[in-house]
N, C-alpha and C. Protein backbone atom coordinates (compact mmCIF):
# COMPACT_ATOMS: atom_id res chain seq x y z
N UNK A 1 0.80 -1.19 0.00
CA UNK A 1 0.00 0.00 0.00
C UNK A 1 0.85 1.26 0.00
N UNK A 2 2.05 1.18 0.54
CA UNK A 2 2.91 2.36 0.57
C UNK A 2 3.24 2.83 -0.84
N UNK A 3 3.47 1.89 -1.75
CA UNK A 3 3.76 2.25 -3.14
C UNK A 3 2.54 2.92 -3.77
N UNK A 4 1.35 2.36 -3.55
CA UNK A 4 0.13 2.95 -4.09
C UNK A 4 -0.10 4.35 -3.51
N UNK A 5 0.16 4.52 -2.23
CA UNK A 5 0.01 5.82 -1.58
C UNK A 5 0.93 6.86 -2.23
N UNK A 6 2.16 6.47 -2.52
CA UNK A 6 3.10 7.38 -3.17
C UNK A 6 2.65 7.70 -4.59
N UNK A 7 2.16 6.71 -5.31
CA UNK A 7 1.64 6.97 -6.66
C UNK A 7 0.52 7.99 -6.63
N UNK A 8 -0.41 7.84 -5.68
CA UNK A 8 -1.52 8.79 -5.58
C UNK A 8 -1.04 10.19 -5.22
N UNK A 9 -0.01 10.27 -4.41
CA UNK A 9 0.50 11.57 -3.97
C UNK A 9 1.30 12.27 -5.05
N UNK A 10 2.12 11.52 -5.79
CA UNK A 10 3.09 12.14 -6.68
C UNK A 10 2.77 12.04 -8.17
N UNK A 11 1.72 11.30 -8.55
CA UNK A 11 1.39 11.16 -9.97
C UNK A 11 -0.12 11.24 -10.15
N UNK A 12 -0.55 11.15 -11.40
CA UNK A 12 -1.99 11.07 -11.68
C UNK A 12 -2.37 9.66 -12.13
N UNK A 13 -1.59 8.67 -11.69
CA UNK A 13 -1.80 7.28 -12.09
C UNK A 13 -3.09 6.70 -11.52
N UNK A 14 -3.64 5.74 -12.22
CA UNK A 14 -4.76 4.93 -11.74
C UNK A 14 -4.23 3.54 -11.47
N UNK A 15 -4.66 2.94 -10.36
CA UNK A 15 -4.20 1.59 -10.03
C UNK A 15 -5.37 0.76 -9.51
N UNK A 16 -5.17 -0.53 -9.52
CA UNK A 16 -6.12 -1.48 -8.93
C UNK A 16 -5.38 -2.25 -7.85
N UNK A 17 -5.99 -2.34 -6.68
CA UNK A 17 -5.39 -3.10 -5.58
C UNK A 17 -6.21 -4.37 -5.39
N UNK A 18 -5.54 -5.50 -5.47
CA UNK A 18 -6.18 -6.80 -5.28
C UNK A 18 -5.51 -7.48 -4.09
N UNK A 19 -6.32 -7.94 -3.16
CA UNK A 19 -5.78 -8.60 -1.98
C UNK A 19 -6.25 -10.04 -1.87
N UNK A 20 -5.49 -10.83 -1.16
CA UNK A 20 -5.81 -12.24 -0.95
C UNK A 20 -6.89 -12.41 0.12
N UNK A 21 -6.99 -11.46 1.03
CA UNK A 21 -7.88 -11.60 2.17
C UNK A 21 -9.09 -10.68 2.03
N UNK A 22 -10.13 -10.96 2.81
CA UNK A 22 -11.37 -10.19 2.72
C UNK A 22 -11.20 -8.75 3.20
N UNK A 23 -10.21 -8.51 4.06
CA UNK A 23 -9.99 -7.17 4.62
C UNK A 23 -8.56 -6.72 4.33
N UNK A 24 -8.32 -5.42 4.28
CA UNK A 24 -6.95 -4.92 4.12
C UNK A 24 -6.09 -5.31 5.32
N UNK A 25 -4.81 -5.43 5.10
CA UNK A 25 -3.89 -5.75 6.19
C UNK A 25 -2.98 -6.93 5.89
N UNK A 26 -3.22 -7.60 4.77
CA UNK A 26 -2.35 -8.71 4.39
C UNK A 26 -2.26 -9.78 5.47
N UNK A 27 -1.04 -10.26 5.71
CA UNK A 27 -0.84 -11.36 6.67
C UNK A 27 -1.23 -10.98 8.09
N UNK A 28 -1.36 -9.70 8.39
CA UNK A 28 -1.77 -9.29 9.74
C UNK A 28 -3.17 -9.79 10.07
N UNK A 29 -3.98 -10.08 9.05
CA UNK A 29 -5.30 -10.65 9.29
C UNK A 29 -5.23 -12.05 9.89
N UNK A 30 -4.10 -12.73 9.71
CA UNK A 30 -3.94 -14.10 10.20
C UNK A 30 -3.05 -14.19 11.44
N UNK A 31 -2.48 -13.08 11.86
CA UNK A 31 -1.52 -13.09 12.97
C UNK A 31 -2.21 -13.43 14.29
N UNK A 32 -1.46 -14.07 15.17
CA UNK A 32 -1.96 -14.33 16.52
C UNK A 32 -2.27 -13.01 17.21
N UNK A 33 -3.26 -12.99 18.11
CA UNK A 33 -3.68 -11.73 18.74
C UNK A 33 -2.58 -11.02 19.53
N UNK A 34 -1.58 -11.75 20.02
CA UNK A 34 -0.54 -11.14 20.85
C UNK A 34 0.62 -10.56 20.03
N UNK A 35 0.62 -10.75 18.73
CA UNK A 35 1.73 -10.31 17.88
C UNK A 35 1.69 -8.80 17.70
N UNK A 36 2.86 -8.16 17.81
CA UNK A 36 2.99 -6.72 17.57
C UNK A 36 4.12 -6.49 16.57
N UNK A 37 4.25 -5.26 16.12
CA UNK A 37 5.39 -4.90 15.29
C UNK A 37 6.68 -5.11 16.08
N UNK A 38 7.77 -5.31 15.38
CA UNK A 38 9.08 -5.43 16.02
C UNK A 38 9.89 -4.15 15.86
N UNK A 39 9.26 -3.13 15.35
CA UNK A 39 9.88 -1.81 15.18
C UNK A 39 8.84 -0.77 15.59
N UNK A 40 9.27 0.44 15.94
CA UNK A 40 8.30 1.46 16.31
C UNK A 40 7.26 1.69 15.20
N UNK A 41 6.03 1.90 15.59
CA UNK A 41 4.94 2.10 14.65
C UNK A 41 5.18 3.28 13.71
N UNK A 42 5.95 4.25 14.17
CA UNK A 42 6.21 5.44 13.34
C UNK A 42 6.99 5.11 12.08
N UNK A 43 7.64 3.94 12.03
CA UNK A 43 8.42 3.54 10.85
C UNK A 43 7.62 2.66 9.89
N UNK A 44 6.35 2.41 10.17
CA UNK A 44 5.56 1.44 9.43
C UNK A 44 4.35 2.13 8.82
N UNK A 45 3.89 1.65 7.69
CA UNK A 45 2.66 2.17 7.09
C UNK A 45 2.92 2.98 5.84
N UNK A 46 2.00 3.89 5.55
CA UNK A 46 2.09 4.73 4.36
C UNK A 46 2.44 6.16 4.76
N UNK A 47 2.97 6.91 3.81
CA UNK A 47 3.45 8.27 4.10
C UNK A 47 2.33 9.24 4.46
N UNK A 48 1.15 9.04 3.89
CA UNK A 48 0.08 10.02 4.07
C UNK A 48 -0.68 9.88 5.39
N UNK A 49 -0.44 8.82 6.15
CA UNK A 49 -1.18 8.61 7.41
C UNK A 49 -0.27 7.96 8.44
N UNK A 50 -0.13 8.59 9.57
CA UNK A 50 0.70 8.08 10.67
C UNK A 50 0.03 6.89 11.34
N UNK A 51 0.78 5.83 11.58
CA UNK A 51 0.28 4.67 12.32
C UNK A 51 0.51 4.84 13.82
N UNK A 52 1.63 5.42 14.18
CA UNK A 52 2.01 5.54 15.59
C UNK A 52 1.01 6.38 16.38
N UNK A 53 0.85 6.03 17.64
CA UNK A 53 0.05 6.85 18.56
C UNK A 53 0.86 8.03 19.08
N UNK A 54 2.16 8.04 18.76
CA UNK A 54 3.03 9.12 19.21
C UNK A 54 3.42 9.00 20.67
N UNK A 55 3.34 7.80 21.20
CA UNK A 55 3.63 7.57 22.62
C UNK A 55 4.93 6.79 22.79
N UNK A 56 5.52 6.95 23.96
CA UNK A 56 6.67 6.15 24.36
C UNK A 56 6.17 5.13 25.37
N UNK A 57 6.46 3.85 25.12
CA UNK A 57 6.00 2.81 26.04
C UNK A 57 6.63 3.00 27.42
N UNK A 58 5.82 2.87 28.46
CA UNK A 58 6.26 3.11 29.83
C UNK A 58 6.57 1.83 30.61
N UNK A 59 6.13 0.68 30.10
CA UNK A 59 6.35 -0.59 30.79
C UNK A 59 6.74 -1.67 29.78
N UNK A 60 7.20 -2.80 30.27
CA UNK A 60 7.48 -3.95 29.42
C UNK A 60 8.83 -3.90 28.74
N UNK A 61 9.05 -4.85 27.84
CA UNK A 61 10.33 -4.96 27.15
C UNK A 61 10.62 -3.78 26.24
N UNK A 62 9.59 -3.06 25.84
CA UNK A 62 9.75 -1.92 24.93
C UNK A 62 9.81 -0.58 25.69
N UNK A 63 9.95 -0.63 27.00
CA UNK A 63 9.95 0.58 27.83
C UNK A 63 10.98 1.59 27.32
N UNK A 64 10.52 2.84 27.19
CA UNK A 64 11.40 3.93 26.76
C UNK A 64 11.50 4.10 25.25
N UNK A 65 10.85 3.23 24.50
CA UNK A 65 10.91 3.30 23.04
C UNK A 65 9.53 3.55 22.46
N UNK A 66 9.48 3.88 21.17
CA UNK A 66 8.22 4.17 20.49
C UNK A 66 7.26 2.99 20.52
N UNK A 67 5.96 3.32 20.51
CA UNK A 67 4.92 2.30 20.63
C UNK A 67 4.98 1.29 19.48
N UNK A 68 4.60 0.05 19.79
CA UNK A 68 4.55 -1.05 18.82
C UNK A 68 3.09 -1.41 18.57
N UNK A 69 2.61 -1.18 17.37
CA UNK A 69 1.21 -1.45 17.05
C UNK A 69 0.91 -2.94 17.13
N UNK A 70 -0.31 -3.25 17.57
CA UNK A 70 -0.78 -4.63 17.59
C UNK A 70 -1.31 -5.01 16.21
N UNK A 71 -1.54 -6.30 16.01
CA UNK A 71 -2.11 -6.75 14.75
C UNK A 71 -3.46 -6.11 14.47
N UNK A 72 -4.30 -6.00 15.49
CA UNK A 72 -5.61 -5.36 15.31
C UNK A 72 -5.47 -3.89 14.93
N UNK A 73 -4.52 -3.19 15.55
CA UNK A 73 -4.29 -1.78 15.21
C UNK A 73 -3.80 -1.64 13.77
N UNK A 74 -2.95 -2.56 13.33
CA UNK A 74 -2.43 -2.51 11.97
C UNK A 74 -3.55 -2.77 10.96
N UNK A 75 -4.38 -3.77 11.22
CA UNK A 75 -5.50 -4.06 10.32
C UNK A 75 -6.47 -2.89 10.25
N UNK A 76 -6.78 -2.28 11.40
CA UNK A 76 -7.66 -1.11 11.42
C UNK A 76 -7.04 0.05 10.66
N UNK A 77 -5.75 0.25 10.82
CA UNK A 77 -5.02 1.31 10.11
C UNK A 77 -5.13 1.13 8.60
N UNK A 78 -4.84 -0.08 8.11
CA UNK A 78 -4.90 -0.31 6.67
C UNK A 78 -6.33 -0.25 6.14
N UNK A 79 -7.30 -0.63 6.95
CA UNK A 79 -8.70 -0.48 6.56
C UNK A 79 -9.04 1.00 6.39
N UNK A 80 -8.59 1.83 7.34
CA UNK A 80 -8.79 3.28 7.23
C UNK A 80 -8.12 3.84 5.98
N UNK A 81 -6.90 3.41 5.71
CA UNK A 81 -6.19 3.89 4.52
C UNK A 81 -6.97 3.53 3.26
N UNK A 82 -7.45 2.30 3.17
CA UNK A 82 -8.20 1.88 1.99
C UNK A 82 -9.49 2.68 1.83
N UNK A 83 -10.19 2.93 2.93
CA UNK A 83 -11.47 3.63 2.85
C UNK A 83 -11.31 5.14 2.64
N UNK A 84 -10.33 5.74 3.29
CA UNK A 84 -10.19 7.20 3.25
C UNK A 84 -9.25 7.70 2.17
N UNK A 85 -8.24 6.94 1.84
CA UNK A 85 -7.22 7.40 0.90
C UNK A 85 -7.47 6.90 -0.52
N UNK A 86 -7.81 5.62 -0.63
CA UNK A 86 -7.97 5.03 -1.96
C UNK A 86 -9.43 4.94 -2.32
């Protein structure tokens, strides 16, 4: 989706997006509920919409670092991108 987002921002191209799953989010639709990103959410997603909550985690193994989105948050994010951007 990041490539499509850039095309929409920087060109007048038309594209078709076809997915394997019923909802946007790719393999995140199949991920176990406890799975999160392994990098800060601010580094993930498309350029036109921030995924990160802009928070620093206060507890756990990620304490002191940028928030890590859950699978549900990622799927909701990509659903929003598909509905609002494309």
